[in-house]
Amino acid sequence: MYAAIEFEGVVEIHATDVTGNYATLCGLDGDDLVTGQKTVPLPPLSRKPKINCKTCLAIIRHAKRYTV
């Protein structure tokens, strides 16, 4: 449900991509040597980490505007 990705020395918490095409909802691969992305463990003692990726949050907020 959550993925921690380190990129250029900064760790961000992302929502995971449920389709399996990417590691994150915002389209990061997670382990990409070309761009320097790598998946790292989630922060300890975090049962429900807070997503701090601005793109993942924007996608979630946009999707919540729609109802059945």
Protein backbone atom coordinates (compact mmCIF):
# COMPACT_ATOMS: atom_id res chain seq x y z
CA MET A 1 0.00 0.00 0.00
CA TYR A 2 2.98 2.29 0.61
CA ALA A 3 6.44 2.50 -0.94
CA ALA A 4 9.46 4.49 0.18
CA ILE A 5 11.62 5.61 -2.73
CA GLU A 6 14.96 7.38 -2.39
CA PHE A 7 15.89 9.75 -5.22
CA GLU A 8 18.82 12.14 -5.10
CA GLY A 9 19.20 11.55 -1.36
CA VAL A 10 15.57 12.36 -0.52
CA VAL A 11 13.17 9.67 0.68
CA GLU A 12 9.49 10.12 -0.15
CA ILE A 13 6.54 7.94 0.79
CA HIS A 14 4.34 7.03 -2.17
CA ALA A 15 1.10 5.18 -2.77
CA THR A 16 1.76 1.90 -4.57
CA ASP A 17 0.53 1.17 -8.09
CA VAL A 18 -2.03 -1.62 -7.90
CA THR A 19 -1.68 -2.49 -11.60
CA GLY A 20 1.87 -3.74 -11.12
CA ASN A 21 3.24 -1.64 -13.98
CA TYR A 22 5.14 0.69 -11.66
CA ALA A 23 6.23 0.71 -8.04
CA THR A 24 4.28 3.88 -7.26
CA LEU A 25 1.00 5.50 -8.21
CA CYS A 26 2.88 8.46 -9.71
CA GLY A 27 4.82 6.19 -12.08
CA LEU A 28 8.22 5.64 -10.47
CA ASP A 29 9.94 2.32 -11.12
CA GLY A 30 11.50 2.20 -7.67
CA ASP A 31 14.71 0.45 -8.66
CA ASP A 32 16.06 2.35 -11.65
CA LEU A 33 19.84 2.60 -11.86
CA VAL A 34 19.66 5.09 -14.74
CA THR A 35 17.74 7.72 -12.76
CA GLY A 36 19.13 6.79 -9.36
CA GLN A 37 15.82 5.74 -7.81
CA LYS A 38 15.88 2.97 -5.25
CA THR A 39 13.31 1.38 -3.00
CA VAL A 40 14.16 1.69 0.68
CA PRO A 41 12.44 0.31 3.80
CA LEU A 42 9.52 2.28 5.19
CA PRO A 43 10.29 4.32 8.29
CA PRO A 44 10.26 2.17 11.45
CA LEU A 45 7.24 2.19 13.73
CA SER A 46 5.04 3.45 10.93
CA ARG A 47 1.91 1.34 10.70
CA LYS A 48 0.37 3.86 8.38
CA PRO A 49 3.05 6.14 6.97
CA LYS A 50 2.01 9.51 5.64
CA ILE A 51 2.26 9.86 1.86
CA ASN A 52 4.37 12.93 1.12
CA CYS A 53 4.75 12.63 -2.66
CA LYS A 54 2.94 15.63 -4.14
CA THR A 55 2.05 13.79 -7.34
CA CYS A 56 0.60 10.75 -5.56
CA LEU A 57 -1.44 13.05 -3.31
CA ALA A 58 -2.74 15.03 -6.30
CA ILE A 59 -3.85 11.81 -8.03
CA ILE A 60 -5.61 10.59 -4.88
CA ARG A 61 -7.36 13.94 -4.32
CA HIS A 62 -8.48 14.07 -7.93
CA ALA A 63 -9.85 10.51 -7.82
CA LYS A 64 -11.79 11.20 -4.62
CA ARG A 65 -13.81 13.86 -6.47
CA TYR A 66 -15.59 11.14 -8.44
CA THR A 67 -18.43 9.04 -7.08
CA VAL A 68 -20.50 6.17 -8.38
